[in-house]
Amino acid sequence: MQTGLLWYDDDPQRPLEAKINLAAERYRDKYGRLPDTCYVHPQAVASHPAGNLQVTCHQATGASQPSGHRTPATAPGNGTVRVVSAPYILLNHFWLGESTGA
């Protein structure tokens, strides 16, 4: 990834998919497009089959940003985020971005 967003969410009541959705919304608001990859600590995906977790993100909110700009109705990207287990990511942290294909 060349551009990424590090997100922290330690709410034990919020499911993993909801945490990633919130982080993806922030990524979309900041960069104008949706992420396609999210790196998480291995414990975050322990209950999911290895390598098979994908999260579908909400694409449209039309929410106003603090600067007065409006978020586009749809952002580039298909709204699917591949979740990757990575031991170098701290627990409760989410590193989102767009894969470079390399």
C-alpha atoms as a PDB file:
ATOM      1  CA  MET A   1       0.000   0.000   0.000  1.00  0.00           C
ATOM      2  CA  GLN A   2       1.198   3.479  -0.770  1.00  0.00           C
ATOM      3  CA  THR A   3      -1.611   5.236   1.094  1.00  0.00           C
ATOM      4  CA  GLY A   4      -3.164   3.903   4.252  1.00  0.00           C
ATOM      5  CA  LEU A   5      -5.171   4.762   7.306  1.00  0.00           C
ATOM      6  CA  LEU A   6      -4.510   3.390  10.765  1.00  0.00           C
ATOM      7  CA  TRP A   7      -7.714   3.003  12.794  1.00  0.00           C
ATOM      8  CA  TYR A   8      -8.082   2.094  16.467  1.00  0.00           C
ATOM      9  CA  ASP A   9     -11.230   0.543  17.913  1.00  0.00           C
ATOM     10  CA  ASP A  10     -11.209  -1.433  21.182  1.00  0.00           C
ATOM     11  CA  ASP A  11     -14.977  -1.590  21.751  1.00  0.00           C
ATOM     12  CA  PRO A  12     -15.625  -5.201  22.837  1.00  0.00           C
ATOM     13  CA  GLN A  13     -19.334  -4.892  21.961  1.00  0.00           C
ATOM     14  CA  ARG A  14     -18.710  -3.915  18.322  1.00  0.00           C
ATOM     15  CA  PRO A  15     -18.248  -6.813  15.870  1.00  0.00           C
ATOM     16  CA  LEU A  16     -15.152  -6.935  13.663  1.00  0.00           C
ATOM     17  CA  GLU A  17     -17.162  -6.178  10.517  1.00  0.00           C
ATOM     18  CA  ALA A  18     -18.630  -3.028  12.085  1.00  0.00           C
ATOM     19  CA  LYS A  19     -15.177  -1.820  13.143  1.00  0.00           C
ATOM     20  CA  ILE A  20     -13.866  -2.273   9.612  1.00  0.00           C
ATOM     21  CA  ASN A  21     -16.934  -0.515   8.185  1.00  0.00           C
ATOM     22  CA  LEU A  22     -16.352   2.515  10.421  1.00  0.00           C
ATOM     23  CA  ALA A  23     -12.686   2.620   9.431  1.00  0.00           C
ATOM     24  CA  ALA A  24     -13.586   2.276   5.731  1.00  0.00           C
ATOM     25  CA  GLU A  25     -16.063   5.166   6.035  1.00  0.00           C
ATOM     26  CA  ARG A  26     -13.314   7.361   7.454  1.00  0.00           C
ATOM     27  CA  TYR A  27     -10.935   6.257   4.693  1.00  0.00           C
ATOM     28  CA  ARG A  28     -13.574   7.135   2.087  1.00  0.00           C
ATOM     29  CA  ASP A  29     -14.201  10.528   3.688  1.00  0.00           C
ATOM     30  CA  LYS A  30     -10.483  11.295   3.769  1.00  0.00           C
ATOM     31  CA  TYR A  31      -9.340   9.915   0.394  1.00  0.00           C
ATOM     32  CA  GLY A  32     -12.537   9.914  -1.709  1.00  0.00           C
ATOM     33  CA  ARG A  33     -12.381   6.202  -2.498  1.00  0.00           C
ATOM     34  CA  LEU A  34     -12.893   2.926  -0.693  1.00  0.00           C
ATOM     35  CA  PRO A  35     -10.093   0.727   0.639  1.00  0.00           C
ATOM     36  CA  ASP A  36      -9.781  -2.846  -0.607  1.00  0.00           C
ATOM     37  CA  THR A  37      -7.464  -4.286   2.064  1.00  0.00           C
ATOM     38  CA  CYS A  38      -7.416  -4.216   5.860  1.00  0.00           C
ATOM     39  CA  TYR A  39      -4.566  -5.654   7.938  1.00  0.00           C
ATOM     40  CA  VAL A  40      -5.494  -6.775  11.459  1.00  0.00           C
ATOM     41  CA  HIS A  41      -3.883  -8.594  14.378  1.00  0.00           C
ATOM     42  CA  PRO A  42      -4.271 -12.409  14.125  1.00  0.00           C
ATOM     43  CA  GLN A  43      -6.476 -12.523  17.252  1.00  0.00           C
ATOM     44  CA  ALA A  44      -9.031 -10.283  15.529  1.00  0.00           C
ATOM     45  CA  VAL A  45      -9.760 -12.950  12.932  1.00  0.00           C
ATOM     46  CA  ALA A  46      -9.245 -16.036  15.109  1.00  0.00           C
ATOM     47  CA  SER A  47     -12.909 -17.030  14.832  1.00  0.00           C
ATOM     48  CA  HIS A  48     -12.956 -16.713  11.021  1.00  0.00           C
ATOM     49  CA  PRO A  49     -11.517 -19.195   8.498  1.00  0.00           C
ATOM     50  CA  ALA A  50      -7.964 -18.170   7.612  1.00  0.00           C
ATOM     51  CA  GLY A  51      -7.722 -15.958   4.552  1.00  0.00           C
ATOM     52  CA  ASN A  52     -11.440 -16.101   3.776  1.00  0.00           C
ATOM     53  CA  LEU A  53     -12.732 -12.997   5.526  1.00  0.00           C
ATOM     54  CA  GLN A  54     -14.090 -10.169   3.405  1.00  0.00           C
ATOM     55  CA  VAL A  55     -16.216  -7.281   4.578  1.00  0.00           C
ATOM     56  CA  THR A  56     -18.690  -5.430   2.391  1.00  0.00           C
ATOM     57  CA  CYS A  57     -18.555  -1.712   3.162  1.00  0.00           C
ATOM     58  CA  HIS A  58     -21.336   0.799   2.840  1.00  0.00           C
ATOM     59  CA  GLN A  59     -20.715   2.974  -0.208  1.00  0.00           C
ATOM     60  CA  ALA A  60     -23.226   5.778   0.062  1.00  0.00           C
ATOM     61  CA  THR A  61     -23.874   8.173   2.909  1.00  0.00           C
ATOM     62  CA  GLY A  62     -23.877  11.635   1.374  1.00  0.00           C
ATOM     63  CA  ALA A  63     -22.756  12.913   4.759  1.00  0.00           C
ATOM     64  CA  SER A  64     -21.410  16.398   5.151  1.00  0.00           C
ATOM     65  CA  GLN A  65     -17.786  16.723   6.062  1.00  0.00           C
ATOM     66  CA  PRO A  66     -16.572  19.390   8.508  1.00  0.00           C
ATOM     67  CA  SER A  67     -15.193  21.429   5.609  1.00  0.00           C
ATOM     68  CA  GLY A  68     -18.674  21.680   4.108  1.00  0.00           C
ATOM     69  CA  HIS A  69     -17.886  19.318   1.231  1.00  0.00           C
ATOM     70  CA  ARG A  70     -20.226  16.417   0.646  1.00  0.00           C
ATOM     71  CA  THR A  71     -19.056  12.857   0.349  1.00  0.00           C
ATOM     72  CA  PRO A  72     -19.754  11.478  -3.134  1.00  0.00           C
ATOM     73  CA  ALA A  73     -22.782   9.180  -3.308  1.00  0.00           C
ATOM     74  CA  THR A  74     -20.504   6.368  -4.385  1.00  0.00           C
ATOM     75  CA  ALA A  75     -16.775   6.186  -4.029  1.00  0.00           C
ATOM     76  CA  PRO A  76     -14.441   4.335  -6.377  1.00  0.00           C
ATOM     77  CA  GLY A  77     -13.934   0.739  -5.347  1.00  0.00           C
ATOM     78  CA  ASN A  78     -16.313  -2.181  -5.188  1.00  0.00           C
ATOM     79  CA  GLY A  79     -16.954  -1.942  -1.451  1.00  0.00           C
ATOM     80  CA  THR A  80     -15.326  -5.262  -0.591  1.00  0.00           C
ATOM     81  CA  VAL A  81     -12.428  -5.187   1.850  1.00  0.00           C
ATOM     82  CA  ARG A  82     -10.130  -8.211   2.076  1.00  0.00           C
ATOM     83  CA  VAL A  83      -9.100  -8.766   5.701  1.00  0.00           C
ATOM     84  CA  VAL A  84      -5.510  -9.946   6.170  1.00  0.00           C
ATOM     85  CA  SER A  85      -4.073 -11.306   9.398  1.00  0.00           C
ATOM     86  CA  ALA A  86      -0.697  -9.711  10.135  1.00  0.00           C
ATOM     87  CA  PRO A  87       1.337 -10.239  13.323  1.00  0.00           C
ATOM     88  CA  TYR A  88       2.942  -6.789  13.053  1.00  0.00           C
ATOM     89  CA  ILE A  89      -0.425  -5.028  13.542  1.00  0.00           C
ATOM     90  CA  LEU A  90      -1.282  -4.277  17.169  1.00  0.00           C
ATOM     91  CA  LEU A  91      -4.468  -5.691  18.651  1.00  0.00           C
ATOM     92  CA  ASN A  92      -7.497  -3.408  18.099  1.00  0.00           C
ATOM     93  CA  HIS A  93      -5.713  -1.592  15.246  1.00  0.00           C
ATOM     94  CA  PHE A  94      -6.804  -1.696  11.617  1.00  0.00           C
ATOM     95  CA  TRP A  95      -4.547  -0.659   8.745  1.00  0.00           C
ATOM     96  CA  LEU A  96      -6.672   0.051   5.672  1.00  0.00           C
ATOM     97  CA  GLY A  97      -5.622   0.942   2.166  1.00  0.00           C
ATOM     98  CA  GLU A  98      -5.591  -0.056  -1.453  1.00  0.00           C
ATOM     99  CA  SER A  99      -3.410  -2.908  -2.621  1.00  0.00           C
ATOM    100  CA  THR A 100      -0.732  -1.908  -5.091  1.00  0.00           C
ATOM    101  CA  GLY A 101      -0.870  -5.198  -6.949  1.00  0.00           C
ATOM    102  CA  ALA A 102       2.840  -5.769  -6.392  1.00  0.00           C
END
